[in-house]
PDB file of N, CA and C in Angstrom:
ATOM      1  N   MET A   1      26.209 -37.326 -10.709  1.00  0.00           N
ATOM      2  CA  MET A   1      26.209 -37.173 -11.737  1.00  0.00           C
ATOM      3  C   MET A   1      24.720 -36.905 -11.628  1.00  0.00           C
ATOM      4  N   LEU A   2      24.126 -35.991 -12.348  1.00  0.00           N
ATOM      5  CA  LEU A   2      22.270 -35.307 -12.774  1.00  0.00           C
ATOM      6  C   LEU A   2      22.067 -35.923 -14.260  1.00  0.00           C
ATOM      7  N   SER A   3      20.944 -36.013 -13.675  1.00  0.00           N
ATOM      8  CA  SER A   3      20.509 -36.700 -15.149  1.00  0.00           C
ATOM      9  C   SER A   3      19.046 -36.144 -15.137  1.00  0.00           C
ATOM     10  N   PHE A   4      18.601 -35.672 -16.493  1.00  0.00           N
ATOM     11  CA  PHE A   4      17.072 -35.230 -16.488  1.00  0.00           C
ATOM     12  C   PHE A   4      16.884 -35.265 -17.864  1.00  0.00           C
ATOM     13  N   PRO A   5      15.242 -35.622 -18.510  1.00  0.00           N
ATOM     14  CA  PRO A   5      14.919 -35.351 -19.681  1.00  0.00           C
ATOM     15  C   PRO A   5      15.323 -34.297 -20.320  1.00  0.00           C
ATOM     16  N   ARG A   6      15.660 -34.489 -21.452  1.00  0.00           N
ATOM     17  CA  ARG A   6      15.619 -33.056 -22.748  1.00  0.00           C
ATOM     18  C   ARG A   6      14.302 -32.198 -22.929  1.00  0.00           C
ATOM     19  N   PHE A   7      13.513 -33.224 -23.007  1.00  0.00           N
ATOM     20  CA  PHE A   7      12.083 -32.726 -23.700  1.00  0.00           C
ATOM     21  C   PHE A   7      11.127 -33.406 -22.463  1.00  0.00           C
ATOM     22  N   LYS A   8      10.449 -32.408 -22.123  1.00  0.00           N
ATOM     23  CA  LYS A   8       9.056 -32.770 -21.305  1.00  0.00           C
ATOM     24  C   LYS A   8       8.183 -33.976 -21.589  1.00  0.00           C
ATOM     25  N   ARG A   9       7.622 -33.549 -22.754  1.00  0.00           N
ATOM     26  CA  ARG A   9       6.447 -34.807 -23.824  1.00  0.00           C
ATOM     27  C   ARG A   9       7.477 -35.627 -24.542  1.00  0.00           C
ATOM     28  N   SER A  10       7.356 -36.559 -24.546  1.00  0.00           N
ATOM     29  CA  SER A  10       7.946 -37.994 -25.186  1.00  0.00           C
ATOM     30  C   SER A  10       7.843 -37.783 -26.719  1.00  0.00           C
ATOM     31  N   TRP A  11       6.522 -37.179 -26.933  1.00  0.00           N
ATOM     32  CA  TRP A  11       6.527 -37.390 -28.134  1.00  0.00           C
ATOM     33  C   TRP A  11       7.663 -36.107 -28.659  1.00  0.00           C
ATOM     34  N   MET A  12       8.017 -34.965 -27.973  1.00  0.00           N
ATOM     35  CA  MET A  12       9.103 -34.420 -28.821  1.00  0.00           C
ATOM     36  C   MET A  12      10.484 -35.431 -28.522  1.00  0.00           C
ATOM     37  N   SER A  13      10.685 -36.145 -27.661  1.00  0.00           N
ATOM     38  CA  SER A  13      12.173 -36.686 -28.012  1.00  0.00           C
ATOM     39  C   SER A  13      12.006 -37.402 -29.046  1.00  0.00           C
ATOM     40  N   ARG A  14      10.626 -38.140 -29.417  1.00  0.00           N
ATOM     41  CA  ARG A  14      10.431 -39.021 -30.595  1.00  0.00           C
ATOM     42  C   ARG A  14      10.487 -38.393 -31.796  1.00  0.00           C
ATOM     43  N   TYR A  15      10.572 -37.492 -32.255  1.00  0.00           N
ATOM     44  CA  TYR A  15      10.466 -36.453 -33.339  1.00  0.00           C
ATOM     45  C   TYR A  15      11.398 -35.373 -33.329  1.00  0.00           C
ATOM     46  N   LEU A  16      12.144 -34.897 -32.385  1.00  0.00           N
ATOM     47  CA  LEU A  16      13.313 -34.044 -32.506  1.00  0.00           C
ATOM     48  C   LEU A  16      14.677 -34.474 -32.156  1.00  0.00           C
ATOM     49  N   LEU A  17      14.303 -35.842 -31.374  1.00  0.00           N
ATOM     50  CA  LEU A  17      16.118 -36.098 -30.924  1.00  0.00           C
ATOM     51  C   LEU A  17      16.696 -36.900 -32.278  1.00  0.00           C
ATOM     52  N   PRO A  18      17.724 -36.796 -32.507  1.00  0.00           N
ATOM     53  CA  PRO A  18      18.396 -37.093 -33.329  1.00  0.00           C
ATOM     54  C   PRO A  18      18.900 -38.862 -33.084  1.00  0.00           C
ATOM     55  N   LYS A  19      18.695 -39.976 -33.869  1.00  0.00           N
ATOM     56  CA  LYS A  19      18.891 -41.241 -33.700  1.00  0.00           C
ATOM     57  C   LYS A  19      20.204 -41.463 -33.019  1.00  0.00           C
ATOM     58  N   GLY A  20      19.932 -41.880 -32.057  1.00  0.00           N
ATOM     59  CA  GLY A  20      21.556 -42.754 -31.490  1.00  0.00           C
ATOM     60  C   GLY A  20      21.658 -41.511 -30.011  1.00  0.00           C
ATOM     61  N   MET A  21      21.150 -40.397 -30.108  1.00  0.00           N
ATOM     62  CA  MET A  21      21.290 -39.178 -29.222  1.00  0.00           C
ATOM     63  C   MET A  21      20.511 -39.945 -27.766  1.00  0.00           C
ATOM     64  N   SER A  22      20.782 -39.965 -26.309  1.00  0.00           N
ATOM     65  CA  SER A  22      20.188 -39.876 -25.551  1.00  0.00           C
ATOM     66  C   SER A  22      18.949 -39.403 -25.215  1.00  0.00           C
ATOM     67  N   LYS A  23      18.120 -39.649 -24.748  1.00  0.00           N
ATOM     68  CA  LYS A  23      17.086 -38.679 -24.145  1.00  0.00           C
ATOM     69  C   LYS A  23      16.996 -38.159 -23.140  1.00  0.00           C
ATOM     70  N   ASP A  24      17.873 -38.331 -22.550  1.00  0.00           N
ATOM     71  CA  ASP A  24      18.727 -37.189 -21.044  1.00  0.00           C
ATOM     72  C   ASP A  24      19.716 -36.492 -21.348  1.00  0.00           C
ATOM     73  N   ILE A  25      19.474 -35.538 -20.637  1.00  0.00           N
ATOM     74  CA  ILE A  25      20.720 -34.915 -20.082  1.00  0.00           C
ATOM     75  C   ILE A  25      21.658 -35.533 -19.160  1.00  0.00           C
ATOM     76  N   HIS A  26      22.783 -35.339 -19.169  1.00  0.00           N
ATOM     77  CA  HIS A  26      23.641 -35.759 -17.983  1.00  0.00           C
ATOM     78  C   HIS A  26      24.748 -34.440 -17.759  1.00  0.00           C
ATOM     79  N   VAL A  27      24.595 -34.445 -16.595  1.00  0.00           N
ATOM     80  CA  VAL A  27      25.733 -33.274 -15.783  1.00  0.00           C
ATOM     81  C   VAL A  27      26.451 -33.999 -15.264  1.00  0.00           C
ATOM     82  N   ARG A  28      28.006 -33.426 -14.860  1.00  0.00           N
ATOM     83  CA  ARG A  28      28.672 -34.073 -14.065  1.00  0.00           C
ATOM     84  C   ARG A  28      28.966 -32.814 -13.407  1.00  0.00           C
ATOM     85  N   LEU A  29      29.103 -33.186 -11.910  1.00  0.00           N
ATOM     86  CA  LEU A  29      29.287 -32.189 -11.053  1.00  0.00           C
ATOM     87  C   LEU A  29      30.716 -32.220 -10.560  1.00  0.00           C
ATOM     88  N   GLU A  30      31.502 -31.162  -9.994  1.00  0.00           N
ATOM     89  CA  GLU A  30      32.167 -31.146  -9.735  1.00  0.00           C
ATOM     90  C   GLU A  30      32.556 -31.167  -7.718  1.00  0.00           C
ATOM     91  N   GLU A  31      33.275 -31.117  -7.357  1.00  0.00           N
ATOM     92  CA  GLU A  31      33.191 -31.689  -5.644  1.00  0.00           C
ATOM     93  C   GLU A  31      32.369 -30.685  -5.325  1.00  0.00           C
ATOM     94  N   HIS A  32      32.149 -29.163  -5.469  1.00  0.00           N
ATOM     95  CA  HIS A  32      31.636 -28.304  -4.850  1.00  0.00           C
ATOM     96  C   HIS A  32      30.016 -28.605  -5.099  1.00  0.00           C
ATOM     97  N   GLY A  33      30.093 -28.249  -6.560  1.00  0.00           N
ATOM     98  CA  GLY A  33      28.808 -28.325  -6.846  1.00  0.00           C
ATOM     99  C   GLY A  33      27.807 -29.836  -6.409  1.00  0.00           C
ATOM    100  N   THR A  34      28.929 -30.795  -5.971  1.00  0.00           N
ATOM    101  CA  THR A  34      28.351 -32.356  -5.703  1.00  0.00           C
ATOM    102  C   THR A  34      27.442 -32.190  -4.285  1.00  0.00           C
ATOM    103  N   ALA A  35      28.560 -31.188  -3.610  1.00  0.00           N
ATOM    104  CA  ALA A  35      28.176 -30.919  -1.940  1.00  0.00           C
ATOM    105  C   ALA A  35      27.065 -29.920  -1.768  1.00  0.00           C
ATOM    106  N   VAL A  36      27.348 -29.070  -2.880  1.00  0.00           N
ATOM    107  CA  VAL A  36      25.613 -27.858  -2.816  1.00  0.00           C
ATOM    108  C   VAL A  36      24.455 -28.934  -2.754  1.00  0.00           C
ATOM    109  N   TRP A  37      24.500 -29.860  -3.884  1.00  0.00           N
ATOM    110  CA  TRP A  37      23.278 -30.558  -4.719  1.00  0.00           C
ATOM    111  C   TRP A  37      23.311 -31.506  -3.305  1.00  0.00           C
ATOM    112  N   ASN A  38      23.953 -32.163  -2.485  1.00  0.00           N
ATOM    113  CA  ASN A  38      23.694 -32.701  -1.931  1.00  0.00           C
ATOM    114  C   ASN A  38      22.987 -32.583  -0.211  1.00  0.00           C
ATOM    115  N   LEU A  39      23.140 -31.059  -0.430  1.00  0.00           N
ATOM    116  CA  LEU A  39      22.244 -30.400   1.034  1.00  0.00           C
ATOM    117  C   LEU A  39      21.344 -29.790   0.633  1.00  0.00           C
ATOM    118  N   ILE A  40      20.939 -29.847  -0.614  1.00  0.00           N
ATOM    119  CA  ILE A  40      19.637 -29.379  -0.883  1.00  0.00           C
ATOM    120  C   ILE A  40      18.283 -30.586  -0.748  1.00  0.00           C
ATOM    121  N   ASP A  41      17.831 -30.319   0.297  1.00  0.00           N
ATOM    122  CA  ASP A  41      16.840 -31.281   0.506  1.00  0.00           C
ATOM    123  C   ASP A  41      15.489 -31.051   1.071  1.00  0.00           C
ATOM    124  N   GLY A  42      15.186 -29.480   1.010  1.00  0.00           N
ATOM    125  CA  GLY A  42      13.628 -28.756   0.971  1.00  0.00           C
ATOM    126  C   GLY A  42      14.075 -28.415   2.603  1.00  0.00           C
ATOM    127  N   GLN A  43      14.604 -29.072   3.465  1.00  0.00           N
ATOM    128  CA  GLN A  43      14.388 -28.475   4.892  1.00  0.00           C
ATOM    129  C   GLN A  43      15.691 -27.483   5.303  1.00  0.00           C
ATOM    130  N   ARG A  44      16.649 -27.619   4.370  1.00  0.00           N
ATOM    131  CA  ARG A  44      17.787 -26.473   4.668  1.00  0.00           C
ATOM    132  C   ARG A  44      17.576 -25.278   3.968  1.00  0.00           C
ATOM    133  N   THR A  45      17.989 -24.010   4.513  1.00  0.00           N
ATOM    134  CA  THR A  45      17.765 -22.870   3.956  1.00  0.00           C
ATOM    135  C   THR A  45      19.094 -22.363   2.930  1.00  0.00           C
ATOM    136  N   VAL A  46      19.077 -21.657   2.132  1.00  0.00           N
ATOM    137  CA  VAL A  46      19.581 -21.140   1.173  1.00  0.00           C
ATOM    138  C   VAL A  46      21.347 -20.787   2.218  1.00  0.00           C
ATOM    139  N   ARG A  47      20.733 -19.560   3.211  1.00  0.00           N
ATOM    140  CA  ARG A  47      22.097 -19.566   4.286  1.00  0.00           C
ATOM    141  C   ARG A  47      22.853 -20.929   4.928  1.00  0.00           C
ATOM    142  N   GLU A  48      22.150 -21.874   5.551  1.00  0.00           N
ATOM    143  CA  GLU A  48      22.666 -22.942   5.977  1.00  0.00           C
ATOM    144  C   GLU A  48      23.843 -23.742   4.772  1.00  0.00           C
ATOM    145  N   ILE A  49      22.943 -23.774   3.744  1.00  0.00           N
ATOM    146  CA  ILE A  49      23.835 -24.474   2.652  1.00  0.00           C
ATOM    147  C   ILE A  49      25.183 -23.685   2.367  1.00  0.00           C
ATOM    148  N   ILE A  50      24.861 -22.517   2.208  1.00  0.00           N
ATOM    149  CA  ILE A  50      26.344 -21.384   1.953  1.00  0.00           C
ATOM    150  C   ILE A  50      27.305 -21.614   3.300  1.00  0.00           C
ATOM    151  N   GLU A  51      26.622 -21.521   4.270  1.00  0.00           N
ATOM    152  CA  GLU A  51      27.307 -21.651   5.561  1.00  0.00           C
ATOM    153  C   GLU A  51      28.203 -23.106   5.475  1.00  0.00           C
ATOM    154  N   ASN A  52      27.233 -24.191   5.364  1.00  0.00           N
ATOM    155  CA  ASN A  52      27.730 -25.206   5.485  1.00  0.00           C
ATOM    156  C   ASN A  52      28.973 -25.272   4.084  1.00  0.00           C
ATOM    157  N   SER A  53      28.904 -24.924   3.090  1.00  0.00           N
ATOM    158  CA  SER A  53      29.929 -24.761   2.405  1.00  0.00           C
ATOM    159  C   SER A  53      31.096 -23.882   2.574  1.00  0.00           C
ATOM    160  N   GLN A  54      31.157 -23.075   2.914  1.00  0.00           N
ATOM    161  CA  GLN A  54      32.207 -21.895   3.849  1.00  0.00           C
ATOM    162  C   GLN A  54      33.073 -22.740   4.649  1.00  0.00           C
ATOM    163  N   THR A  55      32.041 -23.945   5.677  1.00  0.00           N
ATOM    164  CA  THR A  55      33.337 -24.230   7.036  1.00  0.00           C
ATOM    165  C   THR A  55      33.894 -25.483   5.907  1.00  0.00           C
ATOM    166  N   THR A  56      32.883 -26.662   5.302  1.00  0.00           N
ATOM    167  CA  THR A  56      33.316 -27.486   4.507  1.00  0.00           C
ATOM    168  C   THR A  56      34.628 -27.230   3.911  1.00  0.00           C
ATOM    169  N   PHE A  57      34.749 -26.086   2.786  1.00  0.00           N
ATOM    170  CA  PHE A  57      35.815 -25.842   2.034  1.00  0.00           C
ATOM    171  C   PHE A  57      36.551 -24.861   2.191  1.00  0.00           C
ATOM    172  N   ASN A  58      36.274 -24.280   3.398  1.00  0.00           N
ATOM    173  CA  ASN A  58      36.873 -23.146   4.229  1.00  0.00           C
ATOM    174  C   ASN A  58      37.237 -21.947   2.962  1.00  0.00           C
ATOM    175  N   MET A  59      36.010 -21.455   2.946  1.00  0.00           N
ATOM    176  CA  MET A  59      35.865 -20.373   1.937  1.00  0.00           C
ATOM    177  C   MET A  59      35.246 -18.924   2.546  1.00  0.00           C
ATOM    178  N   LYS A  60      35.583 -18.102   2.112  1.00  0.00           N
ATOM    179  CA  LYS A  60      34.776 -16.573   2.878  1.00  0.00           C
ATOM    180  C   LYS A  60      33.776 -16.606   1.966  1.00  0.00           C
ATOM    181  N   GLN A  61      32.969 -15.566   3.047  1.00  0.00           N
ATOM    182  CA  GLN A  61      31.735 -15.259   2.352  1.00  0.00           C
ATOM    183  C   GLN A  61      31.548 -15.090   0.972  1.00  0.00           C
ATOM    184  N   ALA A  62      32.346 -13.964   0.289  1.00  0.00           N
ATOM    185  CA  ALA A  62      32.511 -13.786  -0.822  1.00  0.00           C
ATOM    186  C   ALA A  62      32.482 -14.574  -1.830  1.00  0.00           C
ATOM    187  N   THR A  63      33.144 -15.568  -1.417  1.00  0.00           N
ATOM    188  CA  THR A  63      33.004 -16.510  -2.609  1.00  0.00           C
ATOM    189  C   THR A  63      32.217 -17.638  -2.559  1.00  0.00           C
ATOM    190  N   SER A  64      31.577 -17.858  -1.505  1.00  0.00           N
ATOM    191  CA  SER A  64      30.456 -18.564  -1.311  1.00  0.00           C
ATOM    192  C   SER A  64      29.133 -18.343  -2.010  1.00  0.00           C
ATOM    193  N   LEU A  65      29.059 -16.915  -2.195  1.00  0.00           N
ATOM    194  CA  LEU A  65      27.923 -16.545  -2.615  1.00  0.00           C
ATOM    195  C   LEU A  65      27.776 -16.528  -4.408  1.00  0.00           C
ATOM    196  N   VAL A  66      28.926 -17.022  -4.686  1.00  0.00           N
ATOM    197  CA  VAL A  66      29.066 -17.506  -6.087  1.00  0.00           C
ATOM    198  C   VAL A  66      28.024 -18.769  -6.335  1.00  0.00           C
ATOM    199  N   TYR A  67      27.962 -19.387  -5.063  1.00  0.00           N
ATOM    200  CA  TYR A  67      26.581 -20.395  -5.574  1.00  0.00           C
ATOM    201  C   TYR A  67      25.329 -20.064  -5.457  1.00  0.00           C
ATOM    202  N   LEU A  68      25.052 -18.879  -5.145  1.00  0.00           N
ATOM    203  CA  LEU A  68      23.767 -17.938  -5.399  1.00  0.00           C
ATOM    204  C   LEU A  68      22.933 -18.169  -6.716  1.00  0.00           C
ATOM    205  N   PRO A  69      23.527 -18.295  -7.951  1.00  0.00           N
ATOM    206  CA  PRO A  69      22.905 -18.614  -8.941  1.00  0.00           C
ATOM    207  C   PRO A  69      22.395 -19.976  -9.014  1.00  0.00           C
ATOM    208  N   ILE A  70      22.402 -20.860  -8.034  1.00  0.00           N
ATOM    209  CA  ILE A  70      21.968 -22.501  -8.201  1.00  0.00           C
ATOM    210  C   ILE A  70      20.499 -22.012  -7.480  1.00  0.00           C
ATOM    211  N   PHE A  71      20.391 -20.879  -6.684  1.00  0.00           N
ATOM    212  CA  PHE A  71      19.121 -20.626  -6.108  1.00  0.00           C
ATOM    213  C   PHE A  71      18.097 -19.329  -6.813  1.00  0.00           C
ATOM    214  N   PRO A  72      17.838 -19.799  -8.009  1.00  0.00           N
ATOM    215  CA  PRO A  72      17.428 -18.754  -8.650  1.00  0.00           C
ATOM    216  C   PRO A  72      16.343 -17.277  -8.142  1.00  0.00           C
ATOM    217  N   ASN A  73      15.637 -18.009  -7.293  1.00  0.00           N
ATOM    218  CA  ASN A  73      14.614 -17.233  -6.586  1.00  0.00           C
ATOM    219  C   ASN A  73      15.165 -16.259  -5.147  1.00  0.00           C
ATOM    220  N   TYR A  74      16.506 -16.272  -5.002  1.00  0.00           N
ATOM    221  CA  TYR A  74      16.647 -15.935  -3.807  1.00  0.00           C
ATOM    222  C   TYR A  74      17.838 -14.841  -3.855  1.00  0.00           C
ATOM    223  N   ARG A  75      17.171 -13.405  -3.216  1.00  0.00           N
ATOM    224  CA  ARG A  75      17.999 -12.524  -3.581  1.00  0.00           C
ATOM    225  C   ARG A  75      19.599 -12.344  -2.539  1.00  0.00           C
ATOM    226  N   LYS A  76      20.613 -11.485  -2.943  1.00  0.00           N
ATOM    227  CA  LYS A  76      21.875 -11.410  -2.420  1.00  0.00           C
ATOM    228  C   LYS A  76      21.433 -10.970  -0.985  1.00  0.00           C
ATOM    229  N   THR A  77      20.493  -9.987  -1.177  1.00  0.00           N
ATOM    230  CA  THR A  77      20.439  -8.776  -0.044  1.00  0.00           C
ATOM    231  C   THR A  77      19.734  -9.889   1.081  1.00  0.00           C
ATOM    232  N   ASP A  78      18.682 -10.596   0.748  1.00  0.00           N
ATOM    233  CA  ASP A  78      18.274 -11.105   1.949  1.00  0.00           C
ATOM    234  C   ASP A  78      19.257 -12.009   2.499  1.00  0.00           C
ATOM    235  N   LEU A  79      20.437 -12.803   2.050  1.00  0.00           N
ATOM    236  CA  LEU A  79      21.307 -13.481   2.653  1.00  0.00           C
ATOM    237  C   LEU A  79      22.219 -12.361   3.704  1.00  0.00           C
ATOM    238  N   LEU A  80      22.751 -11.739   3.094  1.00  0.00           N
ATOM    239  CA  LEU A  80      23.762 -10.416   3.678  1.00  0.00           C
ATOM    240  C   LEU A  80      22.775  -9.843   4.892  1.00  0.00           C
ATOM    241  N   ASN A  81      21.467  -9.335   4.720  1.00  0.00           N
ATOM    242  CA  ASN A  81      20.575  -8.784   5.699  1.00  0.00           C
ATOM    243  C   ASN A  81      20.452  -9.852   6.971  1.00  0.00           C
ATOM    244  N   GLY A  82      20.365 -11.138   6.455  1.00  0.00           N
ATOM    245  CA  GLY A  82      20.119 -11.751   7.764  1.00  0.00           C
ATOM    246  C   GLY A  82      18.931 -12.537   7.684  1.00  0.00           C
TER     247      GLY A  82
END
């Protein structure tokens, strides 16, 4: 499960967050999302992460490209052209 703050500034959560609501957002990842998240370490390239997911989950390239939205600054053409 991923957890991150709803607001950057503490005063925002103090004044804008309803009572009883958590200050953090919690996201549960499914099996594929967890595997990809665990591979993001600042050392691996997007290509390596996708290739790893292809072998781990026995996927074809077209299926593994679905994960590219996780990497917003990465262009599909960069991956496909090498």
